[in-house]
Amino acid sequence: MIYIGSDTIVTWSGLQNSITGAYVNDAAITATLQAPTPYTFSLSYEANSDGDYVGTIPAAITSTLTEGTAYLLEITATEVAGTDYRQESHIAQYRGFSA
């Protein structure tokens, strides 16, 4: 889910080397939100984690999205052992209030 007008946290949890199974803490991770104007950003390794990376799509970008529209998020991790590619579709919507 991408919330319009809000910072949206993007995570890749537990990145592992496809050969050894060891957690990777030194990958270069790039993400692109395929919006009307594509937005590219990086995910950074969370210190002392098991291959967890985090990035943010800022509110300035999410504010340009259209409610109810699906946007493709593409993420590529590059490390010594190779490259891993993922993609997900996310619906843009406004965040509601909790009871």
N, C-alpha and C. Protein backbone atom coordinates (compact mmCIF):
# COMPACT_ATOMS: atom_id res chain seq x y z
N MET A 1 0.84 -1.17 0.00
CA MET A 1 0.00 0.00 0.00
C MET A 1 0.89 1.24 0.00
N ILE A 2 0.54 2.20 -0.80
CA ILE A 2 1.21 3.49 -0.79
C ILE A 2 0.18 4.51 -0.35
N TYR A 3 0.52 5.26 0.69
CA TYR A 3 -0.41 6.24 1.23
C TYR A 3 -0.12 7.61 0.64
N ILE A 4 -1.11 8.17 -0.02
CA ILE A 4 -0.99 9.47 -0.68
C ILE A 4 -0.72 10.55 0.36
N GLY A 5 0.28 11.38 0.10
CA GLY A 5 0.61 12.49 0.98
C GLY A 5 1.40 12.11 2.22
N SER A 6 1.84 10.86 2.31
CA SER A 6 2.61 10.39 3.47
C SER A 6 3.91 9.76 2.99
N ASP A 7 4.94 9.86 3.84
CA ASP A 7 6.16 9.11 3.57
C ASP A 7 5.80 7.63 3.60
N THR A 8 6.31 6.86 2.67
CA THR A 8 6.04 5.42 2.61
C THR A 8 7.36 4.67 2.76
N ILE A 9 7.45 3.83 3.78
CA ILE A 9 8.65 3.04 4.05
C ILE A 9 8.62 1.80 3.16
N VAL A 10 9.76 1.52 2.53
CA VAL A 10 9.92 0.33 1.69
C VAL A 10 11.01 -0.53 2.33
N THR A 11 10.72 -1.82 2.52
CA THR A 11 11.70 -2.70 3.16
C THR A 11 11.97 -3.94 2.31
N TRP A 12 13.18 -4.43 2.43
CA TRP A 12 13.57 -5.75 1.90
C TRP A 12 14.16 -6.45 3.10
N SER A 13 13.46 -7.43 3.60
CA SER A 13 13.87 -8.12 4.82
C SER A 13 14.58 -9.43 4.49
N GLY A 14 15.67 -9.67 5.20
CA GLY A 14 16.35 -10.96 5.12
C GLY A 14 17.01 -11.27 3.80
N LEU A 15 17.68 -10.29 3.17
CA LEU A 15 18.39 -10.55 1.92
C LEU A 15 19.50 -11.57 2.19
N GLN A 16 19.48 -12.65 1.40
CA GLN A 16 20.46 -13.72 1.59
C GLN A 16 21.21 -14.01 0.30
N ASN A 17 22.44 -14.46 0.45
CA ASN A 17 23.24 -14.93 -0.66
C ASN A 17 22.57 -16.18 -1.20
N SER A 18 22.30 -16.21 -2.51
CA SER A 18 21.56 -17.33 -3.09
C SER A 18 22.34 -18.64 -3.10
N ILE A 19 23.65 -18.57 -2.93
CA ILE A 19 24.48 -19.78 -2.94
C ILE A 19 24.73 -20.30 -1.52
N THR A 20 25.16 -19.39 -0.63
CA THR A 20 25.55 -19.81 0.73
C THR A 20 24.42 -19.71 1.74
N GLY A 21 23.42 -18.90 1.45
CA GLY A 21 22.33 -18.67 2.40
C GLY A 21 22.67 -17.66 3.48
N ALA A 22 23.90 -17.12 3.46
CA ALA A 22 24.31 -16.12 4.45
C ALA A 22 23.57 -14.81 4.20
N TYR A 23 23.26 -14.10 5.29
CA TYR A 23 22.62 -12.80 5.14
C TYR A 23 23.61 -11.82 4.53
N VAL A 24 23.09 -10.92 3.68
CA VAL A 24 23.93 -9.95 2.98
C VAL A 24 23.75 -8.58 3.63
N ASN A 25 24.87 -7.95 3.98
CA ASN A 25 24.79 -6.63 4.59
C ASN A 25 25.54 -5.57 3.80
N ASP A 26 25.96 -5.91 2.57
CA ASP A 26 26.72 -4.95 1.78
C ASP A 26 26.23 -4.84 0.34
N ALA A 27 24.97 -5.10 0.11
CA ALA A 27 24.41 -4.99 -1.24
C ALA A 27 24.11 -3.53 -1.59
N ALA A 28 24.10 -3.26 -2.87
CA ALA A 28 23.62 -1.97 -3.38
C ALA A 28 22.19 -2.23 -3.85
N ILE A 29 21.24 -1.55 -3.22
CA ILE A 29 19.83 -1.79 -3.55
C ILE A 29 19.21 -0.50 -4.08
N THR A 30 18.66 -0.62 -5.28
CA THR A 30 18.01 0.50 -5.94
C THR A 30 16.56 0.14 -6.22
N ALA A 31 15.67 1.09 -5.96
CA ALA A 31 14.24 0.89 -6.18
C ALA A 31 13.71 1.99 -7.09
N THR A 32 12.71 1.62 -7.90
CA THR A 32 12.04 2.60 -8.76
C THR A 32 10.54 2.43 -8.63
N LEU A 33 9.86 3.50 -8.28
CA LEU A 33 8.40 3.53 -8.30
C LEU A 33 8.00 4.03 -9.67
N GLN A 34 7.31 3.18 -10.43
CA GLN A 34 6.88 3.54 -11.79
C GLN A 34 5.60 4.37 -11.69
N ALA A 35 5.79 5.63 -11.38
CA ALA A 35 4.69 6.60 -11.25
C ALA A 35 4.66 7.45 -12.53
N PRO A 36 3.75 8.43 -12.61
CA PRO A 36 3.72 9.28 -13.80
C PRO A 36 5.12 9.81 -14.15
N THR A 37 5.86 10.20 -13.12
CA THR A 37 7.28 10.51 -13.28
C THR A 37 8.00 9.48 -12.43
N PRO A 38 8.73 8.52 -13.03
CA PRO A 38 9.38 7.48 -12.23
C PRO A 38 10.28 8.09 -11.15
N TYR A 39 10.25 7.48 -9.97
CA TYR A 39 11.04 7.95 -8.84
C TYR A 39 11.98 6.83 -8.42
N THR A 40 13.29 7.11 -8.44
CA THR A 40 14.30 6.12 -8.08
C THR A 40 14.95 6.53 -6.77
N PHE A 41 15.16 5.53 -5.90
CA PHE A 41 15.77 5.78 -4.59
C PHE A 41 16.52 4.53 -4.15
N SER A 42 17.30 4.66 -3.08
CA SER A 42 18.10 3.55 -2.57
C SER A 42 17.53 3.04 -1.25
N LEU A 43 17.80 1.77 -0.98
CA LEU A 43 17.51 1.18 0.31
C LEU A 43 18.85 0.99 1.01
N SER A 44 18.90 1.31 2.30
CA SER A 44 20.13 1.20 3.08
C SER A 44 20.04 0.05 4.07
N TYR A 45 21.18 -0.57 4.30
CA TYR A 45 21.26 -1.68 5.25
C TYR A 45 20.99 -1.18 6.66
N GLU A 46 20.15 -1.91 7.41
CA GLU A 46 19.90 -1.60 8.82
C GLU A 46 20.97 -2.29 9.65
N ALA A 47 21.77 -1.52 10.35
CA ALA A 47 22.89 -2.05 11.12
C ALA A 47 22.44 -3.16 12.06
N ASN A 48 23.28 -4.18 12.16
CA ASN A 48 23.07 -5.31 13.07
C ASN A 48 21.81 -6.11 12.77
N SER A 49 21.36 -6.09 11.53
CA SER A 49 20.18 -6.87 11.16
C SER A 49 20.60 -8.07 10.33
N ASP A 50 19.66 -8.94 10.07
CA ASP A 50 19.90 -10.11 9.22
C ASP A 50 19.46 -9.79 7.79
N GLY A 51 20.25 -8.96 7.10
CA GLY A 51 19.98 -8.65 5.71
C GLY A 51 18.78 -7.76 5.46
N ASP A 52 18.48 -6.86 6.40
CA ASP A 52 17.32 -5.97 6.25
C ASP A 52 17.76 -4.62 5.69
N TYR A 53 16.99 -4.14 4.70
CA TYR A 53 17.27 -2.86 4.04
C TYR A 53 15.99 -2.02 4.05
N VAL A 54 16.16 -0.69 4.17
CA VAL A 54 15.02 0.21 4.26
C VAL A 54 15.25 1.46 3.41
N GLY A 55 14.18 1.92 2.77
CA GLY A 55 14.21 3.17 2.02
C GLY A 55 12.86 3.86 2.19
N THR A 56 12.76 5.07 1.67
CA THR A 56 11.53 5.85 1.82
C THR A 56 11.12 6.50 0.51
N ILE A 57 9.83 6.39 0.21
CA ILE A 57 9.24 7.20 -0.86
C ILE A 57 8.66 8.42 -0.15
N PRO A 58 9.20 9.62 -0.38
CA PRO A 58 8.75 10.78 0.38
C PRO A 58 7.34 11.25 0.01
N ALA A 59 6.74 11.95 0.95
CA ALA A 59 5.38 12.48 0.76
C ALA A 59 5.29 13.37 -0.48
N ALA A 60 6.36 14.06 -0.82
CA ALA A 60 6.35 14.91 -2.02
C ALA A 60 6.10 14.09 -3.27
N ILE A 61 6.52 12.83 -3.27
CA ILE A 61 6.27 11.94 -4.41
C ILE A 61 4.90 11.31 -4.31
N THR A 62 4.53 10.78 -3.13
CA THR A 62 3.23 10.12 -2.98
C THR A 62 2.07 11.09 -3.19
N SER A 63 2.31 12.37 -2.96
CA SER A 63 1.26 13.38 -3.16
C SER A 63 0.87 13.52 -4.62
N THR A 64 1.72 13.03 -5.53
CA THR A 64 1.43 13.15 -6.97
C THR A 64 0.66 11.95 -7.51
N LEU A 65 0.41 10.95 -6.66
CA LEU A 65 -0.24 9.72 -7.11
C LEU A 65 -1.75 9.85 -7.13
N THR A 66 -2.40 9.00 -7.88
CA THR A 66 -3.86 9.03 -8.03
C THR A 66 -4.48 7.92 -7.21
N GLU A 67 -5.46 8.27 -6.39
CA GLU A 67 -6.13 7.31 -5.52
C GLU A 67 -6.73 6.16 -6.35
N GLY A 68 -6.52 4.93 -5.86
CA GLY A 68 -7.09 3.76 -6.49
C GLY A 68 -6.27 3.21 -7.66
N THR A 69 -5.18 3.87 -8.00
CA THR A 69 -4.34 3.45 -9.11
C THR A 69 -3.23 2.52 -8.61
N ALA A 70 -2.93 1.49 -9.39
CA ALA A 70 -1.84 0.57 -9.06
C ALA A 70 -0.54 1.11 -9.65
N TYR A 71 0.51 1.10 -8.82
CA TYR A 71 1.83 1.53 -9.24
C TYR A 71 2.82 0.39 -9.02
N LEU A 72 3.72 0.19 -9.97
CA LEU A 72 4.71 -0.87 -9.89
C LEU A 72 5.94 -0.37 -9.14
N LEU A 73 6.39 -1.15 -8.16
CA LEU A 73 7.62 -0.88 -7.43
C LEU A 73 8.61 -1.96 -7.81
N GLU A 74 9.75 -1.56 -8.39
CA GLU A 74 10.78 -2.49 -8.82
C GLU A 74 12.01 -2.29 -7.95
N ILE A 75 12.60 -3.38 -7.45
CA ILE A 75 13.77 -3.30 -6.58
C ILE A 75 14.83 -4.28 -7.08
N THR A 76 16.06 -3.78 -7.19
CA THR A 76 17.19 -4.61 -7.61
C THR A 76 18.28 -4.55 -6.55
N ALA A 77 18.71 -5.74 -6.10
CA ALA A 77 19.83 -5.85 -5.16
C ALA A 77 21.02 -6.42 -5.91
N THR A 78 22.15 -5.74 -5.80
CA THR A 78 23.37 -6.20 -6.46
C THR A 78 24.43 -6.42 -5.39
N GLU A 79 25.01 -7.61 -5.41
CA GLU A 79 26.08 -7.94 -4.46
C GLU A 79 27.08 -8.85 -5.16
N VAL A 80 28.13 -9.23 -4.46
CA VAL A 80 29.21 -10.03 -5.05
C VAL A 80 28.69 -11.31 -5.70
N ALA A 81 27.73 -11.98 -5.05
CA ALA A 81 27.22 -13.27 -5.56
C ALA A 81 26.27 -13.11 -6.74
N GLY A 82 25.83 -11.90 -7.02
CA GLY A 82 24.92 -11.73 -8.16
C GLY A 82 23.89 -10.65 -7.93
N THR A 83 22.82 -10.74 -8.71
CA THR A 83 21.76 -9.75 -8.70
C THR A 83 20.43 -10.43 -8.42
N ASP A 84 19.60 -9.76 -7.63
CA ASP A 84 18.25 -10.25 -7.33
C ASP A 84 17.28 -9.12 -7.65
N TYR A 85 16.19 -9.46 -8.35
CA TYR A 85 15.21 -8.46 -8.79
C TYR A 85 13.85 -8.84 -8.25
N ARG A 86 13.13 -7.85 -7.75
CA ARG A 86 11.76 -8.06 -7.26
C ARG A 86 10.87 -6.95 -7.79
N GLN A 87 9.57 -7.27 -7.90
CA GLN A 87 8.60 -6.23 -8.23
C GLN A 87 7.28 -6.52 -7.54
N GLU A 88 6.60 -5.45 -7.18
CA GLU A 88 5.28 -5.55 -6.54
C GLU A 88 4.41 -4.43 -7.07
N SER A 89 3.13 -4.69 -7.10
CA SER A 89 2.16 -3.68 -7.46
C SER A 89 1.53 -3.15 -6.16
N HIS A 90 1.44 -1.83 -6.05
CA HIS A 90 0.86 -1.20 -4.85
C HIS A 90 -0.24 -0.24 -5.27
N ILE A 91 -1.33 -0.25 -4.53
CA ILE A 91 -2.44 0.65 -4.77
C ILE A 91 -2.24 1.92 -3.96
N ALA A 92 -2.40 3.08 -4.58
CA ALA A 92 -2.31 4.35 -3.87
C ALA A 92 -3.66 4.65 -3.23
N GLN A 93 -3.62 4.99 -1.95
CA GLN A 93 -4.84 5.37 -1.25
C GLN A 93 -4.52 6.33 -0.13
N TYR A 94 -5.56 7.00 0.34
CA TYR A 94 -5.39 7.89 1.49
C TYR A 94 -5.44 7.07 2.77
N ARG A 95 -4.60 7.46 3.73
CA ARG A 95 -4.60 6.78 5.03
C ARG A 95 -5.82 7.24 5.81
N GLY A 96 -6.52 6.29 6.43
CA GLY A 96 -7.69 6.61 7.23
C GLY A 96 -7.34 6.85 8.68
N PHE A 97 -8.35 7.07 9.49
CA PHE A 97 -8.18 7.27 10.93
C PHE A 97 -8.46 5.98 11.66
N SER A 98 -7.71 5.72 12.71
CA SER A 98 -7.96 4.54 13.55
C SER A 98 -9.00 4.87 14.60
N ALA A 99 -9.76 3.87 15.01
CA ALA A 99 -10.79 4.10 16.04
C ALA A 99 -10.15 4.18 17.40
